[in-house]
Amino acid sequence: MNRFIIPILAVLVLIALLLLVLFTGPKTENTASVTEPPTTAAPELPPVTMDLNLYCFQAGKADALLIWNEAGAVLIDTGVTGYGKTIVEKMTELGLERLDALILTHFDNDHVGGAKKVLISFPVGTVYQSNYPRDSSAYEKYLKALTENNITPVTVRETQTFTLGDAVFTINAPKQEVYSEDPSNNSSLIVTVQHGENRILLCGDAEDQRMTEFLQKDPGSCTLVKMPHHGAWQTTLTSLIEKTQPAWALITSSDEEPEDPRTIELLTQNQVQCLLTRTAPILAVSDGKTLTVQYTE
């Protein structure tokens, strides 16, 4: 009986070895199907070769911000009626002879008041404007200056992007033609400026309706935020600070019409350093990595 068991066992062992080779041995076919897909590197920020400067005028409870580098200059808002003269003087002092862009976030007098003087004093490449007109003397003077200088403005109804050297400007458009609450302020253009690792967010006079729609898409972290509507309190400010986590905040206010203490408290609680134009003009300088912000003359 044993003479039959030994050959049978040998055959079983041979079969087991053949099965092992068949199912676990190396396979040369279909090797492409297990190749890992190539990874795509995250896009790099454009290299920074020049400093970017932001000067926030001491224009009372009004906005006027001049941004410039070696490539050119951009002005965002122009203060109240009569303030254009101060802007022109500052640009002349800095040796700036033209504007690559003028951005008017909306047409309230404390933003468009100085536009006529600026437009008749310097060549302007492109004028970007809000979509909600105003029936006011300052607005009519602005329109007249456009006509006299053969300028056709860009009414921003969708996102616009342009560059100034190595700085990237993005203009976020209002989503509605007319807002049910404070339609002028809520039609504000919201501007972001990316310069290397620094990101600046300028909110115009946007109020809750406008800020709510803007914040629906996470704006990402920012180095500096110009607070909306001169530091007035609104419920969306908490979300704005939580989502942007800025190191710095600017508020354009005056002693006669100061910012809301609740806004200052929010910034303090979140360890945001806040500078006020009612104290002095403000200068921010970016080298693409760090942002220096201080009061100036």
C-alpha atoms as a PDB file:
ATOM      1  CA  MET A   1       0.000   0.000   0.000  1.00  0.00           C
ATOM      2  CA  ASN A   2       2.870   2.378   0.869  1.00  0.00           C
ATOM      3  CA  ARG A   3       4.330   1.994  -2.641  1.00  0.00           C
ATOM      4  CA  PHE A   4       1.206   3.770  -3.983  1.00  0.00           C
ATOM      5  CA  ILE A   5       1.085   6.562  -1.326  1.00  0.00           C
ATOM      6  CA  ILE A   6       4.576   7.927  -2.048  1.00  0.00           C
ATOM      7  CA  PRO A   7       4.001   8.513  -5.814  1.00  0.00           C
ATOM      8  CA  ILE A   8       0.604  10.066  -5.078  1.00  0.00           C
ATOM      9  CA  LEU A   9       2.153  12.478  -2.566  1.00  0.00           C
ATOM     10  CA  ALA A  10       4.864  13.398  -5.069  1.00  0.00           C
ATOM     11  CA  VAL A  11       2.275  14.181  -7.703  1.00  0.00           C
ATOM     12  CA  LEU A  12       0.289  16.345  -5.236  1.00  0.00           C
ATOM     13  CA  VAL A  13       3.410  18.299  -4.273  1.00  0.00           C
ATOM     14  CA  LEU A  14       4.223  18.884  -7.957  1.00  0.00           C
ATOM     15  CA  ILE A  15       0.685  20.136  -8.633  1.00  0.00           C
ATOM     16  CA  ALA A  16       0.877  22.489  -5.627  1.00  0.00           C
ATOM     17  CA  LEU A  17       4.153  23.965  -6.882  1.00  0.00           C
ATOM     18  CA  LEU A  18       2.703  24.533 -10.356  1.00  0.00           C
ATOM     19  CA  LEU A  19      -0.335  26.333  -8.881  1.00  0.00           C
ATOM     20  CA  LEU A  20       1.925  28.503  -6.713  1.00  0.00           C
ATOM     21  CA  VAL A  21       3.960  29.613  -9.724  1.00  0.00           C
ATOM     22  CA  LEU A  22       0.823  30.191 -11.778  1.00  0.00           C
ATOM     23  CA  PHE A  23      -0.941  32.506  -9.293  1.00  0.00           C
ATOM     24  CA  THR A  24       1.972  34.253  -7.525  1.00  0.00           C
ATOM     25  CA  GLY A  25       4.717  34.376 -10.094  1.00  0.00           C
ATOM     26  CA  PRO A  26       5.823  37.588 -11.843  1.00  0.00           C
ATOM     27  CA  LYS A  27       3.556  38.979 -14.560  1.00  0.00           C
ATOM     28  CA  THR A  28       4.936  40.967 -17.438  1.00  0.00           C
ATOM     29  CA  GLU A  29       1.696  41.730 -19.195  1.00  0.00           C
ATOM     30  CA  ASN A  30      -0.489  44.819 -18.393  1.00  0.00           C
ATOM     31  CA  THR A  31       2.283  46.513 -16.397  1.00  0.00           C
ATOM     32  CA  ALA A  32       1.042  49.905 -17.664  1.00  0.00           C
ATOM     33  CA  SER A  33      -2.233  49.449 -15.797  1.00  0.00           C
ATOM     34  CA  VAL A  34      -0.524  49.636 -12.421  1.00  0.00           C
ATOM     35  CA  THR A  35       1.708  52.620 -13.197  1.00  0.00           C
ATOM     36  CA  GLU A  36       1.081  55.528 -10.807  1.00  0.00           C
ATOM     37  CA  PRO A  37      -0.325  58.616 -12.593  1.00  0.00           C
ATOM     38  CA  PRO A  38       2.050  61.572 -12.715  1.00  0.00           C
ATOM     39  CA  THR A  39       1.439  64.240 -10.069  1.00  0.00           C
ATOM     40  CA  THR A  40       0.894  67.882 -11.019  1.00  0.00           C
ATOM     41  CA  ALA A  41       2.837  70.377  -8.934  1.00  0.00           C
ATOM     42  CA  ALA A  42       0.871  73.245  -7.373  1.00  0.00           C
ATOM     43  CA  PRO A  43       1.200  76.423  -9.466  1.00  0.00           C
ATOM     44  CA  GLU A  44       3.863  78.779  -8.168  1.00  0.00           C
ATOM     45  CA  LEU A  45       3.216  82.417  -7.410  1.00  0.00           C
ATOM     46  CA  PRO A  46       4.786  84.804  -9.923  1.00  0.00           C
ATOM     47  CA  PRO A  47       8.289  85.860  -8.885  1.00  0.00           C
ATOM     48  CA  VAL A  48       8.492  89.196  -7.111  1.00  0.00           C
ATOM     49  CA  THR A  49      11.048  91.618  -8.472  1.00  0.00           C
ATOM     50  CA  MET A  50       9.762  94.924  -7.079  1.00  0.00           C
ATOM     51  CA  ASP A  51       8.142  96.251  -3.907  1.00  0.00           C
ATOM     52  CA  LEU A  52       4.441  97.115  -3.925  1.00  0.00           C
ATOM     53  CA  ASN A  53       3.288 100.218  -2.052  1.00  0.00           C
ATOM     54  CA  LEU A  54      -0.193 101.063  -0.788  1.00  0.00           C
ATOM     55  CA  TYR A  55      -0.922 104.574   0.497  1.00  0.00           C
ATOM     56  CA  CYS A  56      -4.244 105.085   2.254  1.00  0.00           C
ATOM     57  CA  PHE A  57      -5.071 108.805   2.303  1.00  0.00           C
ATOM     58  CA  GLN A  58      -6.316 110.579   5.421  1.00  0.00           C
ATOM     59  CA  ALA A  59      -9.481 111.655   3.635  1.00  0.00           C
ATOM     60  CA  GLY A  60     -11.926 111.641   6.540  1.00  0.00           C
ATOM     61  CA  LYS A  61     -14.759 109.147   6.374  1.00  0.00           C
ATOM     62  CA  ALA A  62     -13.950 108.512   2.708  1.00  0.00           C
ATOM     63  CA  ASP A  63     -11.826 106.173   0.623  1.00  0.00           C
ATOM     64  CA  ALA A  64      -8.794 107.018  -1.508  1.00  0.00           C
ATOM     65  CA  LEU A  65      -6.055 104.389  -1.891  1.00  0.00           C
ATOM     66  CA  LEU A  66      -3.042 104.685  -4.168  1.00  0.00           C
ATOM     67  CA  ILE A  67      -1.121 101.528  -5.088  1.00  0.00           C
ATOM     68  CA  TRP A  68       2.109 101.696  -7.076  1.00  0.00           C
ATOM     69  CA  ASN A  69       5.346  99.959  -7.959  1.00  0.00           C
ATOM     70  CA  GLU A  70       8.042 100.403 -10.607  1.00  0.00           C
ATOM     71  CA  ALA A  71       5.603  99.224 -13.292  1.00  0.00           C
ATOM     72  CA  GLY A  72       2.891 101.831 -12.683  1.00  0.00           C
ATOM     73  CA  ALA A  73       0.067 102.961 -10.407  1.00  0.00           C
ATOM     74  CA  VAL A  74      -3.558 102.181  -9.585  1.00  0.00           C
ATOM     75  CA  LEU A  75      -5.970 104.460  -7.692  1.00  0.00           C
ATOM     76  CA  ILE A  76      -8.951 102.981  -5.863  1.00  0.00           C
ATOM     77  CA  ASP A  77     -11.594 105.634  -5.092  1.00  0.00           C
ATOM     78  CA  THR A  78     -11.016 109.364  -4.891  1.00  0.00           C
ATOM     79  CA  GLY A  79     -12.457 110.733  -1.650  1.00  0.00           C
ATOM     80  CA  VAL A  80     -15.079 113.477  -1.386  1.00  0.00           C
ATOM     81  CA  THR A  81     -15.654 116.415  -3.722  1.00  0.00           C
ATOM     82  CA  GLY A  82     -12.544 118.594  -3.730  1.00  0.00           C
ATOM     83  CA  TYR A  83     -10.213 115.837  -2.514  1.00  0.00           C
ATOM     84  CA  GLY A  84      -8.862 115.174  -5.994  1.00  0.00           C
ATOM     85  CA  LYS A  85      -6.410 118.051  -5.529  1.00  0.00           C
ATOM     86  CA  THR A  86      -4.765 116.245  -2.602  1.00  0.00           C
ATOM     87  CA  ILE A  87      -4.479 113.046  -4.636  1.00  0.00           C
ATOM     88  CA  VAL A  88      -2.911 114.893  -7.567  1.00  0.00           C
ATOM     89  CA  GLU A  89      -0.400 116.563  -5.241  1.00  0.00           C
ATOM     90  CA  LYS A  90       0.591 113.219  -3.706  1.00  0.00           C
ATOM     91  CA  MET A  91       1.039 111.567  -7.082  1.00  0.00           C
ATOM     92  CA  THR A  92       3.168 114.485  -8.255  1.00  0.00           C
ATOM     93  CA  GLU A  93       5.272 114.253  -5.088  1.00  0.00           C
ATOM     94  CA  LEU A  94       5.862 110.539  -5.805  1.00  0.00           C
ATOM     95  CA  GLY A  95       6.814 111.254  -9.408  1.00  0.00           C
ATOM     96  CA  LEU A  96       3.793 109.397 -10.805  1.00  0.00           C
ATOM     97  CA  GLU A  97       2.705 110.789 -14.171  1.00  0.00           C
ATOM     98  CA  ARG A  98      -0.180 108.470 -15.081  1.00  0.00           C
ATOM     99  CA  LEU A  99      -2.569 105.864 -13.733  1.00  0.00           C
ATOM    100  CA  ASP A 100      -2.714 102.410 -15.250  1.00  0.00           C
ATOM    101  CA  ALA A 101      -6.152 101.997 -13.712  1.00  0.00           C
ATOM    102  CA  LEU A 102      -8.726 103.946 -11.733  1.00  0.00           C
ATOM    103  CA  ILE A 103     -11.169 101.735  -9.812  1.00  0.00           C
ATOM    104  CA  LEU A 104     -14.334 103.372  -8.457  1.00  0.00           C
ATOM    105  CA  THR A 105     -15.891 100.874  -6.087  1.00  0.00           C
ATOM    106  CA  HIS A 106     -19.242 102.737  -6.151  1.00  0.00           C
ATOM    107  CA  PHE A 107     -20.598 106.210  -6.746  1.00  0.00           C
ATOM    108  CA  ASP A 108     -21.223 107.701  -3.304  1.00  0.00           C
ATOM    109  CA  ASN A 109     -19.645 111.141  -2.994  1.00  0.00           C
ATOM    110  CA  ASP A 110     -17.026 109.931  -0.473  1.00  0.00           C
ATOM    111  CA  HIS A 111     -15.615 107.596  -3.156  1.00  0.00           C
ATOM    112  CA  VAL A 112     -16.166 109.399  -6.473  1.00  0.00           C
ATOM    113  CA  GLY A 113     -15.927 113.035  -5.329  1.00  0.00           C
ATOM    114  CA  GLY A 114     -12.344 113.614  -6.483  1.00  0.00           C
ATOM    115  CA  ALA A 115     -12.590 111.627  -9.717  1.00  0.00           C
ATOM    116  CA  LYS A 116     -13.007 114.611 -12.054  1.00  0.00           C
ATOM    117  CA  LYS A 117      -9.806 116.305 -10.836  1.00  0.00           C
ATOM    118  CA  VAL A 118      -7.825 113.093 -11.187  1.00  0.00           C
ATOM    119  CA  LEU A 119      -9.137 112.396 -14.686  1.00  0.00           C
ATOM    120  CA  ILE A 120      -8.282 115.860 -15.999  1.00  0.00           C
ATOM    121  CA  SER A 121      -4.833 115.833 -14.358  1.00  0.00           C
ATOM    122  CA  PHE A 122      -3.342 112.504 -15.456  1.00  0.00           C
ATOM    123  CA  PRO A 123      -3.689 110.042 -18.326  1.00  0.00           C
ATOM    124  CA  VAL A 124      -5.636 106.983 -17.164  1.00  0.00           C
ATOM    125  CA  GLY A 125      -5.319 103.581 -18.819  1.00  0.00           C
ATOM    126  CA  THR A 126      -8.587 101.925 -17.774  1.00  0.00           C
ATOM    127  CA  VAL A 127     -11.453 103.090 -15.573  1.00  0.00           C
ATOM    128  CA  TYR A 128     -13.342 100.325 -13.770  1.00  0.00           C
ATOM    129  CA  GLN A 129     -16.678 101.295 -12.244  1.00  0.00           C
ATOM    130  CA  SER A 130     -19.585  99.840 -10.303  1.00  0.00           C
ATOM    131  CA  ASN A 131     -22.855  98.985 -12.025  1.00  0.00           C
ATOM    132  CA  TYR A 132     -25.119 101.219  -9.899  1.00  0.00           C
ATOM    133  CA  PRO A 133     -25.202 104.922 -10.942  1.00  0.00           C
ATOM    134  CA  ARG A 134     -26.069 107.808  -8.627  1.00  0.00           C
ATOM    135  CA  ASP A 135     -28.016 110.995  -9.200  1.00  0.00           C
ATOM    136  CA  SER A 136     -25.492 113.418  -7.731  1.00  0.00           C
ATOM    137  CA  SER A 137     -23.321 116.367  -8.705  1.00  0.00           C
ATOM    138  CA  ALA A 138     -20.104 114.392  -8.107  1.00  0.00           C
ATOM    139  CA  TYR A 139     -21.322 111.599 -10.397  1.00  0.00           C
ATOM    140  CA  GLU A 140     -22.308 114.046 -13.141  1.00  0.00           C
ATOM    141  CA  LYS A 141     -18.889 115.731 -12.974  1.00  0.00           C
ATOM    142  CA  TYR A 142     -17.235 112.331 -13.234  1.00  0.00           C
ATOM    143  CA  LEU A 143     -19.264 111.472 -16.343  1.00  0.00           C
ATOM    144  CA  LYS A 144     -18.376 114.828 -17.910  1.00  0.00           C
ATOM    145  CA  ALA A 145     -14.657 114.245 -17.258  1.00  0.00           C
ATOM    146  CA  LEU A 146     -14.895 110.837 -18.944  1.00  0.00           C
ATOM    147  CA  THR A 147     -16.476 112.397 -22.026  1.00  0.00           C
ATOM    148  CA  GLU A 148     -13.977 115.257 -22.202  1.00  0.00           C
ATOM    149  CA  ASN A 149     -11.071 112.782 -22.055  1.00  0.00           C
ATOM    150  CA  ASN A 150     -12.604 110.250 -24.473  1.00  0.00           C
ATOM    151  CA  ILE A 151     -12.595 107.496 -21.838  1.00  0.00           C
ATOM    152  CA  THR A 152     -15.060 104.624 -22.011  1.00  0.00           C
ATOM    153  CA  PRO A 153     -15.237 103.026 -18.545  1.00  0.00           C
ATOM    154  CA  VAL A 154     -15.524  99.304 -17.905  1.00  0.00           C
ATOM    155  CA  THR A 155     -18.689  98.609 -15.919  1.00  0.00           C
ATOM    156  CA  VAL A 156     -17.758  95.542 -13.889  1.00  0.00           C
ATOM    157  CA  ARG A 157     -20.471  92.880 -14.057  1.00  0.00           C
ATOM    158  CA  GLU A 158     -18.150  89.884 -13.928  1.00  0.00           C
ATOM    159  CA  THR A 159     -14.734  89.266 -12.419  1.00  0.00           C
ATOM    160  CA  GLN A 160     -11.940  91.351 -13.948  1.00  0.00           C
ATOM    161  CA  THR A 161      -8.228  90.649 -13.543  1.00  0.00           C
ATOM    162  CA  PHE A 162      -5.163  92.672 -14.534  1.00  0.00           C
ATOM    163  CA  THR A 163      -1.529  92.903 -13.518  1.00  0.00           C
ATOM    164  CA  LEU A 164       0.722  95.743 -12.420  1.00  0.00           C
ATOM    165  CA  GLY A 165       4.221  94.362 -12.728  1.00  0.00           C
ATOM    166  CA  ASP A 166       4.225  91.300 -10.471  1.00  0.00           C
ATOM    167  CA  ALA A 167       1.053  92.322  -8.596  1.00  0.00           C
ATOM    168  CA  VAL A 168      -2.229  90.692  -9.639  1.00  0.00           C
ATOM    169  CA  PHE A 169      -5.465  92.683  -9.194  1.00  0.00           C
ATOM    170  CA  THR A 170      -8.836  90.919  -9.128  1.00  0.00           C
ATOM    171  CA  ILE A 171     -12.070  92.933  -9.136  1.00  0.00           C
ATOM    172  CA  ASN A 172     -15.046  91.010  -7.780  1.00  0.00           C
ATOM    173  CA  ALA A 173     -18.354  92.197  -9.266  1.00  0.00           C
ATOM    174  CA  PRO A 174     -21.678  92.504  -7.415  1.00  0.00           C
ATOM    175  CA  LYS A 175     -24.026  89.624  -8.205  1.00  0.00           C
ATOM    176  CA  GLN A 176     -27.144  91.802  -8.453  1.00  0.00           C
ATOM    177  CA  GLU A 177     -28.007  94.850 -10.517  1.00  0.00           C
ATOM    178  CA  VAL A 178     -29.993  96.391  -7.648  1.00  0.00           C
ATOM    179  CA  TYR A 179     -29.899  95.376  -3.989  1.00  0.00           C
ATOM    180  CA  SER A 180     -32.951  95.635  -1.750  1.00  0.00           C
ATOM    181  CA  GLU A 181     -30.942  97.294   1.044  1.00  0.00           C
ATOM    182  CA  ASP A 182     -28.606 100.254   0.492  1.00  0.00           C
ATOM    183  CA  PRO A 183     -28.124  99.481  -3.205  1.00  0.00           C
ATOM    184  CA  SER A 184     -25.213 101.893  -3.652  1.00  0.00           C
ATOM    185  CA  ASN A 185     -22.984 100.513  -0.885  1.00  0.00           C
ATOM    186  CA  ASN A 186     -23.941  96.936  -1.695  1.00  0.00           C
ATOM    187  CA  SER A 187     -22.946  97.451  -5.330  1.00  0.00           C
ATOM    188  CA  SER A 188     -19.343  98.002  -4.194  1.00  0.00           C
ATOM    189  CA  LEU A 189     -16.580  96.411  -6.194  1.00  0.00           C
ATOM    190  CA  ILE A 190     -14.364  94.285  -3.943  1.00  0.00           C
ATOM    191  CA  VAL A 191     -10.696  94.241  -4.926  1.00  0.00           C
ATOM    192  CA  THR A 192      -7.970  91.756  -4.032  1.00  0.00           C
ATOM    193  CA  VAL A 193      -4.289  92.361  -4.740  1.00  0.00           C
ATOM    194  CA  GLN A 194      -1.903  89.392  -4.726  1.00  0.00           C
ATOM    195  CA  HIS A 195       1.776  90.263  -4.415  1.00  0.00           C
ATOM    196  CA  GLY A 196       3.961  87.231  -3.864  1.00  0.00           C
ATOM    197  CA  GLU A 197       2.855  85.675  -0.591  1.00  0.00           C
ATOM    198  CA  ASN A 198       0.944  88.790   0.486  1.00  0.00           C
ATOM    199  CA  ARG A 199      -2.728  89.227  -0.251  1.00  0.00           C
ATOM    200  CA  ILE A 200      -4.636  92.488   0.278  1.00  0.00           C
ATOM    201  CA  LEU A 201      -8.438  92.652   0.378  1.00  0.00           C
ATOM    202  CA  LEU A 202     -10.211  95.993  -0.152  1.00  0.00           C
ATOM    203  CA  CYS A 203     -13.942  95.821   0.591  1.00  0.00           C
ATOM    204  CA  GLY A 204     -15.229  99.241  -0.477  1.00  0.00           C
ATOM    205  CA  ASP A 205     -18.455 100.062   1.370  1.00  0.00           C
ATOM    206  CA  ALA A 206     -19.942  96.578   0.999  1.00  0.00           C
ATOM    207  CA  GLU A 207     -22.650  95.876   3.555  1.00  0.00           C
ATOM    208  CA  ASP A 208     -24.203  92.616   4.726  1.00  0.00           C
ATOM    209  CA  GLN A 209     -25.963  91.638   1.486  1.00  0.00           C
ATOM    210  CA  ARG A 210     -22.840  92.147  -0.606  1.00  0.00           C
ATOM    211  CA  MET A 211     -20.465  90.642   1.952  1.00  0.00           C
ATOM    212  CA  THR A 212     -22.690  87.582   2.350  1.00  0.00           C
ATOM    213  CA  GLU A 213     -22.507  86.770  -1.356  1.00  0.00           C
ATOM    214  CA  PHE A 214     -18.766  87.500  -1.482  1.00  0.00           C
ATOM    215  CA  LEU A 215     -18.058  85.213   1.481  1.00  0.00           C
ATOM    216  CA  GLN A 216     -20.095  82.325   0.043  1.00  0.00           C
ATOM    217  CA  LYS A 217     -16.914  81.404  -1.802  1.00  0.00           C
ATOM    218  CA  ASP A 218     -14.085  81.231   0.707  1.00  0.00           C
ATOM    219  CA  PRO A 219     -11.861  84.248  -0.038  1.00  0.00           C
ATOM    220  CA  GLY A 220      -8.841  82.577   1.565  1.00  0.00           C
ATOM    221  CA  SER A 221      -6.392  84.071   4.021  1.00  0.00           C
ATOM    222  CA  CYS A 222      -5.286  87.682   3.590  1.00  0.00           C
ATOM    223  CA  THR A 223      -2.383  89.637   4.981  1.00  0.00           C
ATOM    224  CA  LEU A 224      -4.335  92.902   5.155  1.00  0.00           C
ATOM    225  CA  VAL A 225      -8.032  93.778   4.960  1.00  0.00           C
ATOM    226  CA  LYS A 226      -9.476  97.239   4.447  1.00  0.00           C
ATOM    227  CA  MET A 227     -12.632  96.877   6.482  1.00  0.00           C
ATOM    228  CA  PRO A 228     -15.911  97.542   4.670  1.00  0.00           C
ATOM    229  CA  HIS A 229     -17.944 100.734   5.086  1.00  0.00           C
ATOM    230  CA  HIS A 230     -15.533 102.710   7.261  1.00  0.00           C
ATOM    231  CA  GLY A 231     -15.581 100.195  10.122  1.00  0.00           C
ATOM    232  CA  ALA A 232     -19.346 100.276  10.643  1.00  0.00           C
ATOM    233  CA  TRP A 233     -20.583  97.196  12.478  1.00  0.00           C
ATOM    234  CA  GLN A 234     -22.351  94.504  10.485  1.00  0.00           C
ATOM    235  CA  THR A 235     -23.046  90.870  11.197  1.00  0.00           C
ATOM    236  CA  THR A 236     -20.831  89.526   8.397  1.00  0.00           C
ATOM    237  CA  LEU A 237     -17.655  91.013   9.886  1.00  0.00           C
ATOM    238  CA  THR A 238     -17.168  88.003  12.152  1.00  0.00           C
ATOM    239  CA  SER A 239     -17.209  85.647   9.165  1.00  0.00           C
ATOM    240  CA  LEU A 240     -14.951  87.999   7.199  1.00  0.00           C
ATOM    241  CA  ILE A 241     -12.251  87.917   9.865  1.00  0.00           C
ATOM    242  CA  GLU A 242     -12.609  84.177  10.507  1.00  0.00           C
ATOM    243  CA  LYS A 243     -12.196  83.364   6.810  1.00  0.00           C
ATOM    244  CA  THR A 244      -9.434  85.825   5.945  1.00  0.00           C
ATOM    245  CA  GLN A 245      -7.446  85.712   9.229  1.00  0.00           C
ATOM    246  CA  PRO A 246      -5.589  88.956   8.488  1.00  0.00           C
ATOM    247  CA  ALA A 247      -2.567  90.221  10.369  1.00  0.00           C
ATOM    248  CA  TRP A 248      -3.551  93.823   9.585  1.00  0.00           C
ATOM    249  CA  ALA A 249      -6.745  95.822   9.133  1.00  0.00           C
ATOM    250  CA  LEU A 250      -7.296  99.365   7.860  1.00  0.00           C
ATOM    251  CA  ILE A 251     -10.319 101.536   8.601  1.00  0.00           C
ATOM    252  CA  THR A 252     -11.094 104.801   6.802  1.00  0.00           C
ATOM    253  CA  SER A 253     -12.851 106.945   9.407  1.00  0.00           C
ATOM    254  CA  SER A 254     -12.807 110.417  10.965  1.00  0.00           C
ATOM    255  CA  ASP A 255     -13.034 111.878  14.453  1.00  0.00           C
ATOM    256  CA  GLU A 256     -16.474 113.231  13.560  1.00  0.00           C
ATOM    257  CA  GLU A 257     -17.623 109.853  12.198  1.00  0.00           C
ATOM    258  CA  PRO A 258     -15.501 107.184  13.898  1.00  0.00           C
ATOM    259  CA  GLU A 259     -15.550 103.433  13.419  1.00  0.00           C
ATOM    260  CA  ASP A 260     -17.873 101.264  15.524  1.00  0.00           C
ATOM    261  CA  PRO A 261     -16.283 100.093  18.823  1.00  0.00           C
ATOM    262  CA  ARG A 262     -17.658  96.591  18.162  1.00  0.00           C
ATOM    263  CA  THR A 263     -15.553  96.403  15.006  1.00  0.00           C
ATOM    264  CA  ILE A 264     -12.437  97.320  16.960  1.00  0.00           C
ATOM    265  CA  GLU A 265     -13.324  94.767  19.642  1.00  0.00           C
ATOM    266  CA  LEU A 266     -13.689  92.030  17.001  1.00  0.00           C
ATOM    267  CA  LEU A 267     -10.277  92.841  15.547  1.00  0.00           C
ATOM    268  CA  THR A 268      -8.666  92.959  18.976  1.00  0.00           C
ATOM    269  CA  GLN A 269     -10.155  89.596  19.964  1.00  0.00           C
ATOM    270  CA  ASN A 270      -8.693  88.072  16.798  1.00  0.00           C
ATOM    271  CA  GLN A 271      -5.277  89.692  17.342  1.00  0.00           C
ATOM    272  CA  VAL A 272      -5.554  91.808  14.196  1.00  0.00           C
ATOM    273  CA  GLN A 273      -3.486  94.994  14.254  1.00  0.00           C
ATOM    274  CA  CYS A 274      -5.738  97.852  13.168  1.00  0.00           C
ATOM    275  CA  LEU A 275      -4.722 101.267  11.836  1.00  0.00           C
ATOM    276  CA  LEU A 276      -7.170 104.156  11.416  1.00  0.00           C
ATOM    277  CA  THR A 277      -6.940 106.957   8.870  1.00  0.00           C
ATOM    278  CA  ARG A 278      -8.468 109.339  11.412  1.00  0.00           C
ATOM    279  CA  THR A 279      -5.084 109.045  13.160  1.00  0.00           C
ATOM    280  CA  ALA A 280      -2.885 109.600  10.090  1.00  0.00           C
ATOM    281  CA  PRO A 281      -2.349 108.384   6.511  1.00  0.00           C
ATOM    282  CA  ILE A 282      -1.234 104.760   6.292  1.00  0.00           C
ATOM    283  CA  LEU A 283       1.544 103.221   4.204  1.00  0.00           C
ATOM    284  CA  ALA A 284       1.848  99.476   3.551  1.00  0.00           C
ATOM    285  CA  VAL A 285       4.881  98.080   1.710  1.00  0.00           C
ATOM    286  CA  SER A 286       5.104  94.503   0.416  1.00  0.00           C
ATOM    287  CA  ASP A 287       8.312  92.822  -0.714  1.00  0.00           C
ATOM    288  CA  GLY A 288       6.386  89.706  -1.673  1.00  0.00           C
ATOM    289  CA  LYS A 289       7.078  87.914   1.606  1.00  0.00           C
ATOM    290  CA  THR A 290       6.591  90.421   4.411  1.00  0.00           C
ATOM    291  CA  LEU A 291       4.178  93.341   4.673  1.00  0.00           C
ATOM    292  CA  THR A 292       5.160  96.419   6.656  1.00  0.00           C
ATOM    293  CA  VAL A 293       2.259  98.668   7.705  1.00  0.00           C
ATOM    294  CA  GLN A 294       2.659 101.989   9.525  1.00  0.00           C
ATOM    295  CA  TYR A 295       1.352 105.497   9.900  1.00  0.00           C
ATOM    296  CA  THR A 296       3.017 108.054   7.668  1.00  0.00           C
ATOM    297  CA  GLU A 297       2.641 111.632   6.427  1.00  0.00           C
END
